[in-house]
Every structure is written in structure tokens, then in C-alpha cells.
């Protein structure tokens, strides 16, 4: 029952937006991801998908991409990305497929771990962080706490967080997100969002203050799923 992760699938069966603006390696990226997934994942494994799942503007458009993900092996746990405009109420999403669970103010169980999460947002930085960003930033912090508190209420000591945005700014400075992860004794944080080689240095990777940080944007992982745990 292995645990895998990947982010930023950017599937677009109905709404096709070329991703090769980030490099020629994005050519046929959908097929690369699916082929690797089929080779690695067994039916009793779990895959964490950390946002930017489908280019669909609404659920009617995104459903074709969600069906393709549903047809792949394993259980899937998903969190919202900034481009997932189709994301609707959590109750509606969680009725779509038995093997796909959507995280929003809640958590799911993987062995003795709680999988918590939220979309996240830009962290305060010197380039772009206005009043609107601050409002969203604070809202996402509250959503993260709701998810973590739900797990803590049920006595979970081991927690993995999935989020779309990086947990720090481009200088890898401490943020309210990293403070919360440390406060709640989170074991691993898995995120995406960053695309292109020039952006990867803005991602916190490795261990900091006893927390493992994993960047799993699909172009960072060469369009391959990353095994997080056996």
C-alpha cells in the first residue's frame, strides 16, 4: 500500500491549453504521466494530487479529465489548485467517484496518517503581495487549521499536508504556513505550482525543522509520480 504524489497534471481533454510555453518537455505530458502511473501504481496504493488538475472551467468540462484519473489504478486524494475553476462544493465532488477524495476543511486516512490540506496561496514577498493576496493568504491559513484540527480532534499524531502553493516565498523564508506545520508537528508537506527550471529554486525541498518538504510539480519530477512512502 504505497503512497505516491504528483502535482499540476493540467489535463485538458475538453479545454486544451498548451503547456509547452514552459519547455518542450511538456509535449505529450498527459501520456507521460498516465504511462508512468500505470507502470507504478497498484490498486491498493494511494496517490496524492496537489492541484491544477484540469483546465476545465466548470465540472461539465472537467469531468472528462476526472474520469480519466478515476480509471487509473489506486485511490486518489486531491486538493484544489489555483487553476481548478471547476472545483465545486466538497459534498458534490466527493459523490463523484468512490476512489477519489477531495480535501477541503477535512482530512482522509492513509494507514496511521491523516492527510490534511488546503490550496494555500502566495506567501508575503517583495515582488507581489497586495491587500487582496493578504486576505486570501489569511483565509487559506484558516482552512488549513480547520483540516488539521479535524485530524487532531480524532487523535491523529501523524499528519501529512498536501497543498498546491509552496509553503514559503522565493527566498524560502518562514511563513505562517511553516509555523503552523511546526506547531501541529506535521511530518511531511507535499506541494506543486512551480513550473520551469528557473522557478524550482523557489521551492523548499528536503528537511527543515523536522518536516520533510516535497515539490512534486510534474515537470519537476519529469512527469513521473514520486513515491512518498512504501
C-alpha atoms as a PDB file:
ATOM      1  CA  UNK A   1       0.000   0.000   0.000  1.00  0.00           C
ATOM      2  CA  UNK A   2       2.458   2.628  -1.220  1.00  0.00           C
ATOM      3  CA  UNK A   3       1.844   6.372  -1.168  1.00  0.00           C
ATOM      4  CA  UNK A   4       2.647   8.402  -4.289  1.00  0.00           C
ATOM      5  CA  UNK A   5       2.293  12.090  -5.166  1.00  0.00           C
ATOM      6  CA  UNK A   6       2.199  14.317  -8.224  1.00  0.00           C
ATOM      7  CA  UNK A   7       1.010  17.833  -8.938  1.00  0.00           C
ATOM      8  CA  UNK A   8      -0.118  20.047 -11.777  1.00  0.00           C
ATOM      9  CA  UNK A   9      -1.486  17.436 -14.157  1.00  0.00           C
ATOM     10  CA  UNK A  10      -3.037  20.225 -16.229  1.00  0.00           C
ATOM     11  CA  UNK A  11      -5.171  17.725 -18.107  1.00  0.00           C
ATOM     12  CA  UNK A  12      -7.383  19.230 -20.770  1.00  0.00           C
ATOM     13  CA  UNK A  13      -9.484  16.754 -22.708  1.00  0.00           C
ATOM     14  CA  UNK A  14     -12.080  19.430 -23.498  1.00  0.00           C
ATOM     15  CA  UNK A  15     -10.154  22.648 -22.802  1.00  0.00           C
ATOM     16  CA  UNK A  16      -6.711  22.204 -24.310  1.00  0.00           C
ATOM     17  CA  UNK A  17      -4.136  24.771 -23.233  1.00  0.00           C
ATOM     18  CA  UNK A  18      -0.585  24.148 -24.466  1.00  0.00           C
ATOM     19  CA  UNK A  19       1.924  23.817 -21.637  1.00  0.00           C
ATOM     20  CA  UNK A  20       4.995  23.903 -23.858  1.00  0.00           C
ATOM     21  CA  UNK A  21       5.443  27.591 -23.005  1.00  0.00           C
ATOM     22  CA  UNK A  22       7.288  26.109 -20.020  1.00  0.00           C
ATOM     23  CA  UNK A  23       9.504  23.969 -22.256  1.00  0.00           C
ATOM     24  CA  UNK A  24       9.478  21.299 -24.935  1.00  0.00           C
ATOM     25  CA  UNK A  25       9.454  18.625 -22.227  1.00  0.00           C
ATOM     26  CA  UNK A  26       5.730  19.331 -21.835  1.00  0.00           C
ATOM     27  CA  UNK A  27       4.959  17.762 -25.222  1.00  0.00           C
ATOM     28  CA  UNK A  28       2.554  14.839 -24.696  1.00  0.00           C
ATOM     29  CA  UNK A  29       2.786  15.350 -20.943  1.00  0.00           C
ATOM     30  CA  UNK A  30      -0.605  13.729 -20.337  1.00  0.00           C
ATOM     31  CA  UNK A  31       0.530  10.478 -21.921  1.00  0.00           C
ATOM     32  CA  UNK A  32       3.817  10.558 -19.987  1.00  0.00           C
ATOM     33  CA  UNK A  33       2.001  10.887 -16.663  1.00  0.00           C
ATOM     34  CA  UNK A  34      -0.570   8.209 -17.439  1.00  0.00           C
ATOM     35  CA  UNK A  35       2.032   5.714 -18.677  1.00  0.00           C
ATOM     36  CA  UNK A  36       4.197   6.182 -15.594  1.00  0.00           C
ATOM     37  CA  UNK A  37       1.149   5.935 -13.321  1.00  0.00           C
ATOM     38  CA  UNK A  38       0.037   2.642 -14.855  1.00  0.00           C
ATOM     39  CA  UNK A  39       3.535   1.206 -14.524  1.00  0.00           C
ATOM     40  CA  UNK A  40       3.919   2.115 -10.845  1.00  0.00           C
ATOM     41  CA  UNK A  41       0.604   2.223  -9.030  1.00  0.00           C
ATOM     42  CA  UNK A  42      -1.291  -0.812  -7.783  1.00  0.00           C
ATOM     43  CA  UNK A  43      -4.970  -0.839  -6.884  1.00  0.00           C
ATOM     44  CA  UNK A  44      -4.295  -0.753  -3.143  1.00  0.00           C
ATOM     45  CA  UNK A  45      -1.891   2.214  -3.410  1.00  0.00           C
ATOM     46  CA  UNK A  46      -2.824   5.853  -2.795  1.00  0.00           C
ATOM     47  CA  UNK A  47      -1.926   8.834  -4.997  1.00  0.00           C
ATOM     48  CA  UNK A  48      -1.918  12.423  -3.699  1.00  0.00           C
ATOM     49  CA  UNK A  49      -2.724  15.007  -6.402  1.00  0.00           C
ATOM     50  CA  UNK A  50      -1.749  18.510  -5.314  1.00  0.00           C
ATOM     51  CA  UNK A  51      -3.861  20.757  -7.520  1.00  0.00           C
ATOM     52  CA  UNK A  52      -4.113  22.192 -11.038  1.00  0.00           C
ATOM     53  CA  UNK A  53      -5.798  19.000 -12.107  1.00  0.00           C
ATOM     54  CA  UNK A  54      -7.927  20.041 -15.092  1.00  0.00           C
ATOM     55  CA  UNK A  55      -8.210  23.086 -17.350  1.00  0.00           C
ATOM     56  CA  UNK A  56     -11.988  22.692 -17.360  1.00  0.00           C
ATOM     57  CA  UNK A  57     -13.820  25.915 -16.496  1.00  0.00           C
ATOM     58  CA  UNK A  58     -16.729  24.043 -14.940  1.00  0.00           C
ATOM     59  CA  UNK A  59     -17.422  20.496 -13.787  1.00  0.00           C
ATOM     60  CA  UNK A  60     -19.093  19.588 -17.086  1.00  0.00           C
ATOM     61  CA  UNK A  61     -15.769  20.245 -18.818  1.00  0.00           C
ATOM     62  CA  UNK A  62     -13.512  18.846 -16.103  1.00  0.00           C
ATOM     63  CA  UNK A  63     -15.445  15.607 -15.643  1.00  0.00           C
ATOM     64  CA  UNK A  64     -13.716  14.020 -18.661  1.00  0.00           C
ATOM     65  CA  UNK A  65     -10.314  14.570 -17.038  1.00  0.00           C
ATOM     66  CA  UNK A  66     -11.591  13.384 -13.658  1.00  0.00           C
ATOM     67  CA  UNK A  67     -12.947  10.228 -15.283  1.00  0.00           C
ATOM     68  CA  UNK A  68      -9.540   9.509 -16.805  1.00  0.00           C
ATOM     69  CA  UNK A  69      -7.944   9.888 -13.367  1.00  0.00           C
ATOM     70  CA  UNK A  70     -10.647   7.678 -11.844  1.00  0.00           C
ATOM     71  CA  UNK A  71      -9.832   4.959 -14.380  1.00  0.00           C
ATOM     72  CA  UNK A  72      -6.183   4.872 -13.295  1.00  0.00           C
ATOM     73  CA  UNK A  73      -5.110   2.444 -10.543  1.00  0.00           C
ATOM     74  CA  UNK A  74      -5.196   3.345  -6.871  1.00  0.00           C
ATOM     75  CA  UNK A  75      -7.111   5.576  -4.507  1.00  0.00           C
ATOM     76  CA  UNK A  76      -6.722   9.292  -5.171  1.00  0.00           C
ATOM     77  CA  UNK A  77      -6.736  12.183  -2.698  1.00  0.00           C
ATOM     78  CA  UNK A  78      -6.921  15.613  -4.313  1.00  0.00           C
ATOM     79  CA  UNK A  79      -6.549  19.228  -3.248  1.00  0.00           C
ATOM     80  CA  UNK A  80      -7.501  22.339  -5.204  1.00  0.00           C
ATOM     81  CA  UNK A  81      -5.071  24.333  -7.348  1.00  0.00           C
ATOM     82  CA  UNK A  82      -5.330  27.937  -8.493  1.00  0.00           C
ATOM     83  CA  UNK A  83      -6.466  26.846 -11.976  1.00  0.00           C
ATOM     84  CA  UNK A  84      -9.128  24.394 -10.805  1.00  0.00           C
ATOM     85  CA  UNK A  85     -12.063  26.693 -11.568  1.00  0.00           C
ATOM     86  CA  UNK A  86     -14.371  23.678 -11.874  1.00  0.00           C
ATOM     87  CA  UNK A  87     -13.988  22.853  -8.157  1.00  0.00           C
ATOM     88  CA  UNK A  88     -17.463  22.938  -6.650  1.00  0.00           C
ATOM     89  CA  UNK A  89     -18.868  22.029  -3.216  1.00  0.00           C
ATOM     90  CA  UNK A  90     -16.911  19.361  -1.398  1.00  0.00           C
ATOM     91  CA  UNK A  91     -20.041  17.267  -0.858  1.00  0.00           C
ATOM     92  CA  UNK A  92     -20.741  17.207  -4.593  1.00  0.00           C
ATOM     93  CA  UNK A  93     -17.159  16.357  -5.502  1.00  0.00           C
ATOM     94  CA  UNK A  94     -16.927  13.524  -3.002  1.00  0.00           C
ATOM     95  CA  UNK A  95     -20.002  11.869  -4.535  1.00  0.00           C
ATOM     96  CA  UNK A  96     -18.415  11.604  -7.992  1.00  0.00           C
ATOM     97  CA  UNK A  97     -16.173   8.557  -7.599  1.00  0.00           C
ATOM     98  CA  UNK A  98     -15.617   6.045  -4.802  1.00  0.00           C
ATOM     99  CA  UNK A  99     -11.841   6.071  -5.321  1.00  0.00           C
ATOM    100  CA  UNK A 100     -11.376   9.867  -5.391  1.00  0.00           C
ATOM    101  CA  UNK A 101     -11.488  12.003  -2.237  1.00  0.00           C
ATOM    102  CA  UNK A 102     -11.296  15.793  -2.243  1.00  0.00           C
ATOM    103  CA  UNK A 103      -9.733  17.708   0.647  1.00  0.00           C
ATOM    104  CA  UNK A 104     -11.293  20.935   1.894  1.00  0.00           C
ATOM    105  CA  UNK A 105     -11.560  21.664   5.631  1.00  0.00           C
ATOM    106  CA  UNK A 106     -11.393  17.902   6.225  1.00  0.00           C
ATOM    107  CA  UNK A 107      -8.895  15.027   6.119  1.00  0.00           C
ATOM    108  CA  UNK A 108      -8.537  11.447   4.932  1.00  0.00           C
ATOM    109  CA  UNK A 109      -6.690   8.476   6.343  1.00  0.00           C
ATOM    110  CA  UNK A 110      -3.672   6.699   4.885  1.00  0.00           C
ATOM    111  CA  UNK A 111      -2.632   3.872   7.220  1.00  0.00           C
ATOM    112  CA  UNK A 112      -1.911   5.672  10.520  1.00  0.00           C
ATOM    113  CA  UNK A 113      -1.510   9.104   8.887  1.00  0.00           C
ATOM    114  CA  UNK A 114      -4.093  11.841   8.428  1.00  0.00           C
ATOM    115  CA  UNK A 115      -3.901  13.506   5.010  1.00  0.00           C
ATOM    116  CA  UNK A 116      -4.807  17.163   5.570  1.00  0.00           C
ATOM    117  CA  UNK A 117      -4.551  20.170   3.303  1.00  0.00           C
ATOM    118  CA  UNK A 118      -5.725  23.279   1.550  1.00  0.00           C
ATOM    119  CA  UNK A 119      -4.871  25.139  -1.647  1.00  0.00           C
ATOM    120  CA  UNK A 120      -2.538  27.664   0.005  1.00  0.00           C
ATOM    121  CA  UNK A 121      -1.530  30.997  -1.531  1.00  0.00           C
ATOM    122  CA  UNK A 122       1.385  33.286  -2.238  1.00  0.00           C
ATOM    123  CA  UNK A 123       3.461  33.928   0.851  1.00  0.00           C
ATOM    124  CA  UNK A 124       4.494  37.512   1.672  1.00  0.00           C
ATOM    125  CA  UNK A 125       7.309  38.587  -0.636  1.00  0.00           C
ATOM    126  CA  UNK A 126       8.949  41.649  -2.178  1.00  0.00           C
ATOM    127  CA  UNK A 127       7.661  41.133  -5.722  1.00  0.00           C
ATOM    128  CA  UNK A 128       3.873  40.917  -5.499  1.00  0.00           C
ATOM    129  CA  UNK A 129       1.755  40.698  -2.371  1.00  0.00           C
ATOM    130  CA  UNK A 130      -1.115  43.186  -2.130  1.00  0.00           C
ATOM    131  CA  UNK A 131      -4.150  43.543   0.144  1.00  0.00           C
ATOM    132  CA  UNK A 132      -6.129  41.000  -1.870  1.00  0.00           C
ATOM    133  CA  UNK A 133      -3.296  38.491  -1.557  1.00  0.00           C
ATOM    134  CA  UNK A 134      -3.197  39.041   2.184  1.00  0.00           C
ATOM    135  CA  UNK A 135      -6.926  38.325   2.507  1.00  0.00           C
ATOM    136  CA  UNK A 136      -6.619  35.061   0.585  1.00  0.00           C
ATOM    137  CA  UNK A 137      -3.455  34.142   2.474  1.00  0.00           C
ATOM    138  CA  UNK A 138      -5.216  34.534   5.824  1.00  0.00           C
ATOM    139  CA  UNK A 139      -8.279  32.625   4.583  1.00  0.00           C
ATOM    140  CA  UNK A 140      -6.140  29.709   3.448  1.00  0.00           C
ATOM    141  CA  UNK A 141      -4.389  29.642   6.815  1.00  0.00           C
ATOM    142  CA  UNK A 142      -7.775  29.248   8.498  1.00  0.00           C
ATOM    143  CA  UNK A 143      -8.758  26.474   6.106  1.00  0.00           C
ATOM    144  CA  UNK A 144      -5.515  24.681   6.833  1.00  0.00           C
ATOM    145  CA  UNK A 145      -6.199  24.910  10.569  1.00  0.00           C
ATOM    146  CA  UNK A 146      -9.701  23.511  10.099  1.00  0.00           C
ATOM    147  CA  UNK A 147      -8.262  20.492   8.303  1.00  0.00           C
ATOM    148  CA  UNK A 148      -5.524  19.963  10.889  1.00  0.00           C
ATOM    149  CA  UNK A 149      -7.891  20.474  13.822  1.00  0.00           C
ATOM    150  CA  UNK A 150     -10.250  17.851  12.407  1.00  0.00           C
ATOM    151  CA  UNK A 151      -7.381  15.332  12.388  1.00  0.00           C
ATOM    152  CA  UNK A 152      -6.174  16.307  15.845  1.00  0.00           C
ATOM    153  CA  UNK A 153      -9.707  16.011  17.221  1.00  0.00           C
ATOM    154  CA  UNK A 154      -9.694  12.393  16.082  1.00  0.00           C
ATOM    155  CA  UNK A 155      -6.359  11.819  17.869  1.00  0.00           C
ATOM    156  CA  UNK A 156      -4.104  11.570  14.816  1.00  0.00           C
ATOM    157  CA  UNK A 157      -0.464  12.138  15.731  1.00  0.00           C
ATOM    158  CA  UNK A 158       0.996  11.571  12.268  1.00  0.00           C
ATOM    159  CA  UNK A 159      -0.031  14.147   9.665  1.00  0.00           C
ATOM    160  CA  UNK A 160       0.815  14.733   6.009  1.00  0.00           C
ATOM    161  CA  UNK A 161      -0.250  18.017   4.410  1.00  0.00           C
ATOM    162  CA  UNK A 162      -0.992  18.392   0.716  1.00  0.00           C
ATOM    163  CA  UNK A 163      -1.200  21.905  -0.672  1.00  0.00           C
ATOM    164  CA  UNK A 164      -0.864  23.479  -4.078  1.00  0.00           C
ATOM    165  CA  UNK A 165       1.265  26.536  -3.387  1.00  0.00           C
ATOM    166  CA  UNK A 166       4.814  26.482  -1.997  1.00  0.00           C
ATOM    167  CA  UNK A 167       4.928  26.895   1.785  1.00  0.00           C
ATOM    168  CA  UNK A 168       7.378  29.822   1.616  1.00  0.00           C
ATOM    169  CA  UNK A 169       8.237  32.761  -0.619  1.00  0.00           C
ATOM    170  CA  UNK A 170      11.002  32.678  -3.228  1.00  0.00           C
ATOM    171  CA  UNK A 171      13.610  33.357  -0.539  1.00  0.00           C
ATOM    172  CA  UNK A 172      12.444  30.288   1.395  1.00  0.00           C
ATOM    173  CA  UNK A 173      11.636  32.442   4.409  1.00  0.00           C
ATOM    174  CA  UNK A 174       9.464  31.337   7.295  1.00  0.00           C
ATOM    175  CA  UNK A 175       5.730  31.844   6.721  1.00  0.00           C
ATOM    176  CA  UNK A 176       2.513  31.412   8.667  1.00  0.00           C
ATOM    177  CA  UNK A 177       2.157  28.091   6.869  1.00  0.00           C
ATOM    178  CA  UNK A 178       5.533  26.763   8.015  1.00  0.00           C
ATOM    179  CA  UNK A 179       4.803  27.961  11.554  1.00  0.00           C
ATOM    180  CA  UNK A 180       1.532  26.016  11.585  1.00  0.00           C
ATOM    181  CA  UNK A 181       3.201  22.885  10.206  1.00  0.00           C
ATOM    182  CA  UNK A 182       5.694  23.023  13.048  1.00  0.00           C
ATOM    183  CA  UNK A 183       3.035  23.813  15.650  1.00  0.00           C
ATOM    184  CA  UNK A 184       0.962  20.793  14.596  1.00  0.00           C
ATOM    185  CA  UNK A 185       4.007  18.519  14.273  1.00  0.00           C
ATOM    186  CA  UNK A 186       3.316  17.776  10.600  1.00  0.00           C
ATOM    187  CA  UNK A 187       5.600  15.048   9.234  1.00  0.00           C
ATOM    188  CA  UNK A 188       5.540  15.815   5.505  1.00  0.00           C
ATOM    189  CA  UNK A 189       4.350  18.690   3.282  1.00  0.00           C
ATOM    190  CA  UNK A 190       3.749  17.970  -0.403  1.00  0.00           C
ATOM    191  CA  UNK A 191       3.101  20.755  -2.915  1.00  0.00           C
ATOM    192  CA  UNK A 192       3.411  21.821  -6.564  1.00  0.00           C
ATOM    193  CA  UNK A 193       2.639  25.004  -8.557  1.00  0.00           C
ATOM    194  CA  UNK A 194       6.210  25.793  -9.636  1.00  0.00           C
ATOM    195  CA  UNK A 195       6.956  25.301 -13.342  1.00  0.00           C
ATOM    196  CA  UNK A 196      10.124  25.653 -15.369  1.00  0.00           C
ATOM    197  CA  UNK A 197      13.734  25.217 -14.253  1.00  0.00           C
ATOM    198  CA  UNK A 198      14.082  28.881 -13.342  1.00  0.00           C
ATOM    199  CA  UNK A 199      11.321  28.558 -10.735  1.00  0.00           C
ATOM    200  CA  UNK A 200      12.369  25.357  -8.988  1.00  0.00           C
ATOM    201  CA  UNK A 201      14.908  27.106  -6.752  1.00  0.00           C
ATOM    202  CA  UNK A 202      11.947  28.910  -5.136  1.00  0.00           C
ATOM    203  CA  UNK A 203      10.715  25.592  -3.765  1.00  0.00           C
ATOM    204  CA  UNK A 204      11.601  24.364  -0.295  1.00  0.00           C
ATOM    205  CA  UNK A 205      12.833  20.791  -0.661  1.00  0.00           C
ATOM    206  CA  UNK A 206      14.198  18.470   1.975  1.00  0.00           C
ATOM    207  CA  UNK A 207      14.025  18.599   5.750  1.00  0.00           C
ATOM    208  CA  UNK A 208      13.539  21.755   7.798  1.00  0.00           C
ATOM    209  CA  UNK A 209      12.715  21.721  11.499  1.00  0.00           C
ATOM    210  CA  UNK A 210      11.875  18.004  11.404  1.00  0.00           C
ATOM    211  CA  UNK A 211       9.440  18.348   8.482  1.00  0.00           C
ATOM    212  CA  UNK A 212      10.035  16.834   5.036  1.00  0.00           C
ATOM    213  CA  UNK A 213       9.087  19.137   2.159  1.00  0.00           C
ATOM    214  CA  UNK A 214       8.406  17.603  -1.265  1.00  0.00           C
ATOM    215  CA  UNK A 215       7.984  19.553  -4.512  1.00  0.00           C
ATOM    216  CA  UNK A 216       6.055  17.359  -6.958  1.00  0.00           C
ATOM    217  CA  UNK A 217       5.135  19.632  -9.872  1.00  0.00           C
ATOM    218  CA  UNK A 218       5.023  17.164 -12.734  1.00  0.00           C
ATOM    219  CA  UNK A 219       7.730  18.887 -14.785  1.00  0.00           C
ATOM    220  CA  UNK A 220       9.977  18.961 -11.709  1.00  0.00           C
ATOM    221  CA  UNK A 221       9.539  15.176 -11.391  1.00  0.00           C
ATOM    222  CA  UNK A 222       9.935  14.612 -15.162  1.00  0.00           C
ATOM    223  CA  UNK A 223       6.216  13.769 -15.340  1.00  0.00           C
ATOM    224  CA  UNK A 224       6.645  10.834 -13.002  1.00  0.00           C
ATOM    225  CA  UNK A 225       4.883  10.049  -9.749  1.00  0.00           C
ATOM    226  CA  UNK A 226       7.048  10.329  -6.637  1.00  0.00           C
ATOM    227  CA  UNK A 227       6.898   7.578  -4.040  1.00  0.00           C
ATOM    228  CA  UNK A 228       6.468   9.228  -0.657  1.00  0.00           C
ATOM    229  CA  UNK A 229       6.150   6.095   1.461  1.00  0.00           C
ATOM    230  CA  UNK A 230       6.221   2.326   0.922  1.00  0.00           C
END
